[in-house]
């Protein structure tokens, strides 16, 4: 049976109390990867995967999840500013469904509007060169997405 896929608030009850989460920023050429600590307080960038094939990408993601003893994934869902879903969101949902067929780890979808733009501003403010920004933007975007989800999960746990 495939892993559950859905909005973060629907997946939250399926997650154990503790355990790292893996955050993903899916691009057409790369996948930014971030991970949280087991207490889910802080998201940090892990790596940027150059996309090859779905099976190769999934194998790398599962290896990273295994290394960190992850209990779930958080995928950034690129929703349009009007709240609609375009081709990129549909592609992300398809990726999540395909990933779910290969794992039992829950997969949460998190609205990632403006995440890359916010990270770009932060890197420019930190005086990162254009080459440095290009090298790290995807994993920083994944960390930004995951941190937003972690903050929301913390609010869900607090009465």
N, C-alpha and C. Protein backbone atom coordinates (compact mmCIF):
# COMPACT_ATOMS: atom_id res chain seq x y z
N UNK A 1 0.84 -1.19 0.00
CA UNK A 1 0.00 0.00 0.00
C UNK A 1 0.89 1.25 0.00
N UNK A 2 0.58 2.23 -0.85
CA UNK A 2 1.43 3.42 -0.89
C UNK A 2 1.35 4.24 0.39
N UNK A 3 2.41 5.01 0.62
CA UNK A 3 2.45 5.90 1.79
C UNK A 3 1.38 6.98 1.63
N UNK A 4 0.89 7.50 2.75
CA UNK A 4 -0.07 8.60 2.66
C UNK A 4 0.58 9.87 2.13
N UNK A 5 -0.15 10.59 1.28
CA UNK A 5 0.29 11.87 0.72
C UNK A 5 -0.83 12.86 0.94
N UNK A 6 -0.51 14.04 1.45
CA UNK A 6 -1.54 15.05 1.64
C UNK A 6 -1.00 16.31 2.26
N UNK A 7 -1.86 17.27 2.50
CA UNK A 7 -1.44 18.51 3.15
C UNK A 7 -0.85 18.22 4.53
N UNK A 8 0.06 19.06 4.95
CA UNK A 8 0.77 18.86 6.23
C UNK A 8 -0.18 18.63 7.39
N UNK A 9 -1.26 19.39 7.48
CA UNK A 9 -2.17 19.25 8.63
C UNK A 9 -2.87 17.89 8.65
N UNK A 10 -3.02 17.27 7.47
CA UNK A 10 -3.62 15.93 7.42
C UNK A 10 -2.59 14.84 7.71
N UNK A 11 -1.34 15.09 7.37
CA UNK A 11 -0.28 14.10 7.57
C UNK A 11 0.27 14.17 9.00
N UNK A 12 0.18 15.33 9.64
CA UNK A 12 0.76 15.52 10.98
C UNK A 12 0.37 14.42 11.98
N UNK A 13 -0.90 14.02 12.07
CA UNK A 13 -1.26 12.98 13.04
C UNK A 13 -0.61 11.61 12.76
N UNK A 14 -0.14 11.42 11.54
CA UNK A 14 0.47 10.14 11.17
C UNK A 14 1.96 10.08 11.51
N UNK A 15 2.53 11.23 11.89
CA UNK A 15 3.96 11.29 12.20
C UNK A 15 4.19 10.93 13.66
N UNK A 16 5.25 10.17 13.95
CA UNK A 16 5.58 9.91 15.35
C UNK A 16 6.00 11.19 16.06
N UNK A 17 6.03 11.18 17.37
CA UNK A 17 6.38 12.37 18.17
C UNK A 17 7.74 12.94 17.79
N UNK A 18 8.70 12.06 17.59
CA UNK A 18 10.07 12.48 17.28
C UNK A 18 10.51 11.84 15.98
N UNK A 19 11.55 12.40 15.42
CA UNK A 19 12.14 11.86 14.21
C UNK A 19 12.33 12.94 13.17
N UNK A 20 13.43 12.84 12.46
CA UNK A 20 13.77 13.82 11.44
C UNK A 20 12.78 13.78 10.28
N UNK A 21 12.62 14.92 9.65
CA UNK A 21 11.86 15.03 8.42
C UNK A 21 12.81 15.49 7.32
N UNK A 22 12.54 15.04 6.12
CA UNK A 22 13.32 15.45 4.95
C UNK A 22 12.47 16.42 4.13
N UNK A 23 12.99 17.60 3.86
CA UNK A 23 12.29 18.60 3.07
C UNK A 23 12.83 18.63 1.65
N UNK A 24 11.94 18.78 0.68
CA UNK A 24 12.34 18.77 -0.72
C UNK A 24 11.81 19.99 -1.45
N UNK A 25 12.70 20.60 -2.25
CA UNK A 25 12.32 21.65 -3.18
C UNK A 25 12.56 21.08 -4.57
N UNK A 26 11.47 20.65 -5.22
CA UNK A 26 11.58 19.98 -6.53
C UNK A 26 11.69 21.01 -7.64
N UNK A 27 12.75 20.90 -8.40
CA UNK A 27 12.91 21.72 -9.60
C UNK A 27 12.93 20.81 -10.81
N UNK A 28 12.96 21.40 -11.98
CA UNK A 28 12.98 20.58 -13.19
C UNK A 28 14.35 19.93 -13.39
N UNK A 29 15.42 20.58 -12.94
CA UNK A 29 16.77 20.04 -13.12
C UNK A 29 17.41 19.56 -11.83
N UNK A 30 16.93 20.05 -10.69
CA UNK A 30 17.54 19.72 -9.40
C UNK A 30 16.47 19.47 -8.35
N UNK A 31 16.90 18.83 -7.27
CA UNK A 31 16.06 18.67 -6.08
C UNK A 31 16.87 19.19 -4.90
N UNK A 32 16.39 20.25 -4.28
CA UNK A 32 17.01 20.73 -3.06
C UNK A 32 16.55 19.87 -1.90
N UNK A 33 17.49 19.46 -1.05
CA UNK A 33 17.17 18.57 0.07
C UNK A 33 17.60 19.23 1.38
N UNK A 34 16.72 19.17 2.36
CA UNK A 34 17.00 19.66 3.71
C UNK A 34 16.56 18.58 4.68
N UNK A 35 17.05 18.67 5.90
CA UNK A 35 16.64 17.72 6.94
C UNK A 35 16.46 18.48 8.25
N UNK A 36 15.61 17.93 9.09
CA UNK A 36 15.43 18.52 10.42
C UNK A 36 16.17 17.67 11.43
N UNK A 37 16.33 18.23 12.61
CA UNK A 37 16.85 17.45 13.73
C UNK A 37 15.71 16.54 14.21
N UNK A 38 16.01 15.52 15.02
CA UNK A 38 14.94 14.59 15.47
C UNK A 38 13.83 15.27 16.26
N UNK A 39 14.13 16.40 16.92
CA UNK A 39 13.10 17.11 17.67
C UNK A 39 12.29 18.08 16.81
N UNK A 40 12.67 18.17 15.55
CA UNK A 40 11.97 19.01 14.55
C UNK A 40 11.93 20.48 14.92
N UNK A 41 13.06 20.97 15.36
CA UNK A 41 13.16 22.40 15.69
C UNK A 41 13.83 23.20 14.58
N UNK A 42 14.81 22.58 13.90
CA UNK A 42 15.63 23.32 12.95
C UNK A 42 15.82 22.54 11.65
N UNK A 43 15.63 23.22 10.55
CA UNK A 43 15.87 22.63 9.22
C UNK A 43 17.20 23.14 8.69
N UNK A 44 17.98 22.26 8.12
CA UNK A 44 19.25 22.65 7.51
C UNK A 44 19.37 22.02 6.13
N UNK A 45 20.00 22.75 5.23
CA UNK A 45 20.23 22.25 3.88
C UNK A 45 21.18 21.06 3.92
N UNK A 46 20.90 20.08 3.09
CA UNK A 46 21.72 18.86 3.04
C UNK A 46 22.51 18.80 1.74
N UNK A 47 21.80 18.82 0.62
CA UNK A 47 22.47 18.77 -0.68
C UNK A 47 21.50 19.13 -1.78
N UNK A 48 22.07 19.32 -2.96
CA UNK A 48 21.28 19.54 -4.16
C UNK A 48 21.53 18.35 -5.08
N UNK A 49 20.47 17.66 -5.43
CA UNK A 49 20.56 16.49 -6.30
C UNK A 49 20.32 16.94 -7.74
N UNK A 50 21.26 16.62 -8.62
CA UNK A 50 21.03 16.86 -10.05
C UNK A 50 20.11 15.74 -10.54
N UNK A 51 18.94 16.12 -11.05
CA UNK A 51 17.96 15.11 -11.45
C UNK A 51 18.45 14.30 -12.63
N UNK A 52 18.23 12.98 -12.52
CA UNK A 52 18.63 12.05 -13.58
C UNK A 52 17.39 11.33 -14.06
N UNK A 53 16.97 10.34 -13.30
CA UNK A 53 15.73 9.61 -13.59
C UNK A 53 14.98 9.52 -12.27
N UNK A 54 13.69 9.24 -12.35
CA UNK A 54 12.94 9.16 -11.11
C UNK A 54 13.53 8.11 -10.18
N UNK A 55 13.86 6.94 -10.70
CA UNK A 55 14.37 5.87 -9.83
C UNK A 55 15.71 6.25 -9.20
N UNK A 56 16.58 6.91 -9.94
CA UNK A 56 17.87 7.34 -9.37
C UNK A 56 17.65 8.43 -8.32
N UNK A 57 16.77 9.37 -8.62
CA UNK A 57 16.47 10.45 -7.67
C UNK A 57 15.86 9.87 -6.39
N UNK A 58 14.90 8.97 -6.54
CA UNK A 58 14.25 8.36 -5.37
C UNK A 58 15.25 7.56 -4.55
N UNK A 59 16.14 6.84 -5.20
CA UNK A 59 17.15 6.06 -4.48
C UNK A 59 18.03 6.97 -3.63
N UNK A 60 18.43 8.12 -4.18
CA UNK A 60 19.25 9.06 -3.41
C UNK A 60 18.46 9.64 -2.23
N UNK A 61 17.20 9.97 -2.47
CA UNK A 61 16.36 10.52 -1.39
C UNK A 61 16.17 9.50 -0.27
N UNK A 62 15.95 8.25 -0.64
CA UNK A 62 15.77 7.21 0.39
C UNK A 62 17.07 6.96 1.15
N UNK A 63 18.22 7.07 0.47
CA UNK A 63 19.51 6.92 1.15
C UNK A 63 19.69 8.04 2.18
N UNK A 64 19.37 9.27 1.78
CA UNK A 64 19.48 10.40 2.71
C UNK A 64 18.51 10.24 3.88
N UNK A 65 17.29 9.80 3.60
CA UNK A 65 16.30 9.59 4.65
C UNK A 65 16.77 8.50 5.62
N UNK A 66 17.36 7.46 5.09
CA UNK A 66 17.85 6.37 5.93
C UNK A 66 19.01 6.83 6.81
N UNK A 67 19.94 7.59 6.24
CA UNK A 67 21.08 8.11 7.01
C UNK A 67 20.62 8.92 8.21
N UNK A 68 19.53 9.65 8.03
CA UNK A 68 19.04 10.55 9.08
C UNK A 68 17.89 9.95 9.88
N UNK A 69 17.59 8.68 9.62
CA UNK A 69 16.48 8.00 10.28
C UNK A 69 15.20 8.81 10.21
N UNK A 70 14.92 9.31 9.02
CA UNK A 70 13.75 10.18 8.81
C UNK A 70 12.45 9.40 8.97
N UNK A 71 11.43 10.11 9.42
CA UNK A 71 10.11 9.50 9.62
C UNK A 71 9.08 10.04 8.63
N UNK A 72 9.51 10.93 7.73
CA UNK A 72 8.59 11.47 6.74
C UNK A 72 9.27 12.47 5.84
N UNK A 73 8.54 12.85 4.79
CA UNK A 73 9.01 13.83 3.82
C UNK A 73 8.07 15.02 3.81
N UNK A 74 8.62 16.20 3.50
CA UNK A 74 7.82 17.40 3.27
C UNK A 74 8.22 17.93 1.90
N UNK A 75 7.28 17.96 0.97
CA UNK A 75 7.53 18.46 -0.37
C UNK A 75 6.93 19.84 -0.52
N UNK A 76 7.73 20.77 -1.03
CA UNK A 76 7.22 22.09 -1.32
C UNK A 76 6.25 22.02 -2.49
N UNK A 77 5.05 22.51 -2.31
CA UNK A 77 4.03 22.51 -3.36
C UNK A 77 3.95 23.92 -3.94
N UNK A 78 4.38 24.10 -5.20
CA UNK A 78 4.41 25.44 -5.80
C UNK A 78 3.03 25.92 -6.26
N UNK A 79 2.32 26.52 -5.33
CA UNK A 79 0.99 27.05 -5.62
C UNK A 79 1.14 28.46 -6.18
N UNK A 80 0.34 28.80 -7.18
CA UNK A 80 0.37 30.15 -7.76
C UNK A 80 -0.08 31.17 -6.72
N UNK A 81 0.28 32.41 -6.96
CA UNK A 81 -0.06 33.47 -6.01
C UNK A 81 -1.57 33.61 -5.81
N UNK A 82 -2.37 33.24 -6.82
CA UNK A 82 -3.83 33.32 -6.71
C UNK A 82 -4.40 32.12 -5.96
N UNK A 83 -3.54 31.18 -5.56
CA UNK A 83 -4.01 30.00 -4.85
C UNK A 83 -4.34 28.83 -5.77
N UNK A 84 -4.12 29.00 -7.06
CA UNK A 84 -4.39 27.93 -8.01
C UNK A 84 -3.14 27.06 -8.19
N UNK A 85 -3.34 25.90 -8.79
CA UNK A 85 -2.23 25.00 -9.05
C UNK A 85 -1.99 24.90 -10.54
N UNK A 86 -0.74 25.11 -10.93
CA UNK A 86 -0.36 25.02 -12.33
C UNK A 86 0.39 23.73 -12.61
N UNK A 87 1.07 23.69 -13.74
CA UNK A 87 1.81 22.48 -14.14
C UNK A 87 2.90 22.06 -13.13
N UNK A 88 3.58 23.01 -12.51
CA UNK A 88 4.62 22.66 -11.54
C UNK A 88 4.02 21.97 -10.31
N UNK A 89 2.87 22.44 -9.85
CA UNK A 89 2.21 21.81 -8.71
C UNK A 89 1.74 20.41 -9.08
N UNK A 90 1.21 20.27 -10.29
CA UNK A 90 0.77 18.95 -10.75
C UNK A 90 1.95 17.99 -10.84
N UNK A 91 3.10 18.50 -11.30
CA UNK A 91 4.30 17.68 -11.39
C UNK A 91 4.77 17.25 -10.00
N UNK A 92 4.67 18.16 -9.03
CA UNK A 92 5.06 17.84 -7.65
C UNK A 92 4.13 16.77 -7.08
N UNK A 93 2.84 16.91 -7.32
CA UNK A 93 1.89 15.90 -6.84
C UNK A 93 2.16 14.54 -7.47
N UNK A 94 2.51 14.52 -8.74
CA UNK A 94 2.84 13.26 -9.41
C UNK A 94 4.10 12.65 -8.81
N UNK A 95 5.10 13.48 -8.55
CA UNK A 95 6.34 13.00 -7.92
C UNK A 95 6.02 12.40 -6.55
N UNK A 96 5.18 13.08 -5.77
CA UNK A 96 4.81 12.58 -4.44
C UNK A 96 4.09 11.24 -4.54
N UNK A 97 3.16 11.12 -5.49
CA UNK A 97 2.45 9.84 -5.66
C UNK A 97 3.41 8.72 -6.04
N UNK A 98 4.33 9.01 -6.95
CA UNK A 98 5.31 8.00 -7.37
C UNK A 98 6.24 7.61 -6.22
N UNK A 99 6.66 8.60 -5.44
CA UNK A 99 7.52 8.33 -4.28
C UNK A 99 6.76 7.48 -3.25
N UNK A 100 5.49 7.79 -3.07
CA UNK A 100 4.65 7.07 -2.09
C UNK A 100 4.54 5.59 -2.40
N UNK A 101 4.64 5.23 -3.68
CA UNK A 101 4.56 3.82 -4.07
C UNK A 101 5.79 3.02 -3.62
N UNK A 102 6.87 3.75 -3.28
CA UNK A 102 8.14 3.09 -2.97
C UNK A 102 8.50 3.14 -1.48
N UNK A 103 7.67 3.76 -0.67
CA UNK A 103 8.00 3.93 0.75
C UNK A 103 6.74 3.86 1.59
N UNK A 104 6.94 3.68 2.90
CA UNK A 104 5.80 3.77 3.81
C UNK A 104 5.89 5.05 4.64
N UNK A 105 6.90 5.90 4.37
CA UNK A 105 7.03 7.17 5.09
C UNK A 105 5.99 8.16 4.59
N UNK A 106 5.25 8.81 5.49
CA UNK A 106 4.25 9.79 5.07
C UNK A 106 4.88 10.94 4.28
N UNK A 107 4.13 11.47 3.34
CA UNK A 107 4.61 12.57 2.49
C UNK A 107 3.64 13.73 2.64
N UNK A 108 4.13 14.81 3.23
CA UNK A 108 3.31 16.01 3.44
C UNK A 108 3.61 17.04 2.36
N UNK A 109 2.58 17.73 1.92
CA UNK A 109 2.73 18.80 0.95
C UNK A 109 2.59 20.13 1.68
N UNK A 110 3.51 21.06 1.39
CA UNK A 110 3.54 22.35 2.08
C UNK A 110 3.64 23.47 1.06
N UNK A 111 2.78 24.46 1.17
CA UNK A 111 2.75 25.61 0.28
C UNK A 111 4.10 26.32 0.30
N UNK A 112 4.74 26.39 -0.86
CA UNK A 112 6.07 26.98 -0.91
C UNK A 112 6.11 28.32 -1.62
N UNK A 113 4.98 29.00 -1.72
CA UNK A 113 4.96 30.29 -2.41
C UNK A 113 6.07 31.21 -1.92
N UNK A 114 6.78 31.75 -2.86
CA UNK A 114 7.84 32.75 -2.63
C UNK A 114 9.07 32.22 -1.88
N UNK A 115 9.19 30.93 -1.68
CA UNK A 115 10.34 30.41 -0.93
C UNK A 115 11.66 30.71 -1.63
N UNK A 116 11.74 30.47 -2.93
CA UNK A 116 13.00 30.71 -3.64
C UNK A 116 13.33 32.19 -3.65
N UNK A 117 12.33 33.05 -3.84
CA UNK A 117 12.57 34.49 -3.83
C UNK A 117 13.07 34.95 -2.46
N UNK A 118 12.49 34.43 -1.39
CA UNK A 118 12.91 34.79 -0.04
C UNK A 118 14.36 34.35 0.21
N UNK A 119 14.68 33.15 -0.21
CA UNK A 119 16.05 32.63 -0.02
C UNK A 119 17.03 33.44 -0.85
N UNK A 120 16.66 33.78 -2.07
CA UNK A 120 17.53 34.59 -2.94
C UNK A 120 17.85 35.92 -2.26
N UNK A 121 16.83 36.57 -1.68
CA UNK A 121 17.04 37.84 -0.97
C UNK A 121 18.01 37.66 0.20
N UNK A 122 17.82 36.55 0.96
CA UNK A 122 18.71 36.29 2.10
C UNK A 122 20.15 36.10 1.66
N UNK A 123 20.34 35.35 0.57
CA UNK A 123 21.70 35.10 0.08
C UNK A 123 22.34 36.37 -0.46
N UNK A 124 21.56 37.22 -1.12
CA UNK A 124 22.09 38.49 -1.60
C UNK A 124 22.46 39.37 -0.41
N UNK A 125 21.61 39.39 0.61
CA UNK A 125 21.90 40.18 1.81
C UNK A 125 23.16 39.68 2.51
N UNK A 126 23.43 38.38 2.39
CA UNK A 126 24.65 37.80 2.99
C UNK A 126 25.85 37.98 2.07
N UNK A 127 25.66 38.71 0.96
CA UNK A 127 26.73 39.01 0.00
C UNK A 127 27.29 37.76 -0.67
N UNK A 128 26.44 36.77 -0.88
CA UNK A 128 26.86 35.56 -1.60
C UNK A 128 26.98 35.89 -3.08
N UNK A 129 28.03 35.41 -3.71
CA UNK A 129 28.23 35.65 -5.13
C UNK A 129 27.14 34.94 -5.93
N UNK A 130 26.99 35.35 -7.18
CA UNK A 130 25.99 34.73 -8.05
C UNK A 130 26.26 33.23 -8.19
N UNK A 131 27.52 32.86 -8.33
CA UNK A 131 27.88 31.43 -8.46
C UNK A 131 27.55 30.67 -7.18
N UNK A 132 27.85 31.28 -6.03
CA UNK A 132 27.56 30.63 -4.74
C UNK A 132 26.05 30.48 -4.56
N UNK A 133 25.28 31.53 -4.91
CA UNK A 133 23.82 31.45 -4.79
C UNK A 133 23.29 30.32 -5.65
N UNK A 134 23.78 30.21 -6.88
CA UNK A 134 23.30 29.15 -7.78
C UNK A 134 23.61 27.77 -7.22
N UNK A 135 24.74 27.63 -6.53
CA UNK A 135 25.15 26.33 -6.00
C UNK A 135 24.31 25.88 -4.81
N UNK A 136 23.80 26.84 -4.03
CA UNK A 136 23.13 26.46 -2.78
C UNK A 136 21.65 26.83 -2.69
N UNK A 137 21.13 27.53 -3.69
CA UNK A 137 19.76 28.06 -3.56
C UNK A 137 18.72 26.96 -3.38
N UNK A 138 18.88 25.83 -4.07
CA UNK A 138 17.87 24.78 -3.97
C UNK A 138 17.82 24.15 -2.59
N UNK A 139 18.98 23.86 -1.99
CA UNK A 139 18.95 23.28 -0.66
C UNK A 139 18.54 24.31 0.39
N UNK A 140 18.86 25.57 0.17
CA UNK A 140 18.39 26.61 1.09
C UNK A 140 16.87 26.77 0.98
N UNK A 141 16.35 26.68 -0.26
CA UNK A 141 14.89 26.74 -0.44
C UNK A 141 14.22 25.55 0.24
N UNK A 142 14.84 24.38 0.14
CA UNK A 142 14.29 23.19 0.82
C UNK A 142 14.28 23.41 2.33
N UNK A 143 15.34 24.02 2.87
CA UNK A 143 15.39 24.29 4.31
C UNK A 143 14.32 25.32 4.70
N UNK A 144 14.11 26.31 3.86
CA UNK A 144 13.10 27.34 4.11
C UNK A 144 11.70 26.69 4.14
N UNK A 145 11.45 25.82 3.16
CA UNK A 145 10.17 25.11 3.09
C UNK A 145 9.98 24.24 4.32
N UNK A 146 11.01 23.45 4.64
CA UNK A 146 10.92 22.54 5.79
C UNK A 146 10.76 23.31 7.09
N UNK A 147 11.47 24.43 7.25
CA UNK A 147 11.35 25.21 8.49
C UNK A 147 9.93 25.74 8.66
N UNK A 148 9.31 26.18 7.57
CA UNK A 148 7.92 26.63 7.65
C UNK A 148 7.01 25.50 8.11
N UNK A 149 7.24 24.31 7.58
CA UNK A 149 6.44 23.15 7.99
C UNK A 149 6.70 22.78 9.45
N UNK A 150 7.96 22.84 9.88
CA UNK A 150 8.29 22.54 11.28
C UNK A 150 7.61 23.52 12.22
N UNK A 151 7.63 24.79 11.85
CA UNK A 151 6.98 25.81 12.69
C UNK A 151 5.48 25.55 12.77
N UNK A 152 4.87 25.14 11.67
CA UNK A 152 3.44 24.84 11.68
C UNK A 152 3.16 23.60 12.53
N UNK A 153 3.99 22.58 12.41
CA UNK A 153 3.83 21.38 13.24
C UNK A 153 3.94 21.71 14.73
N UNK A 154 4.85 22.61 15.08
CA UNK A 154 5.01 23.01 16.48
C UNK A 154 3.73 23.69 16.98
N UNK A 155 3.12 24.53 16.12
CA UNK A 155 1.87 25.20 16.52
C UNK A 155 0.72 24.21 16.64
N UNK A 156 0.73 23.16 15.80
CA UNK A 156 -0.32 22.14 15.89
C UNK A 156 -0.22 21.36 17.21
N UNK A 157 1.00 21.17 17.71
CA UNK A 157 1.20 20.40 18.96
C UNK A 157 0.88 21.22 20.19
N UNK A 158 1.00 22.55 20.08
CA UNK A 158 0.76 23.43 21.23
C UNK A 158 -0.73 23.73 21.33
N UNK A 159 -1.36 23.40 22.47
CA UNK A 159 -2.80 23.66 22.59
C UNK A 159 -3.11 25.15 22.67
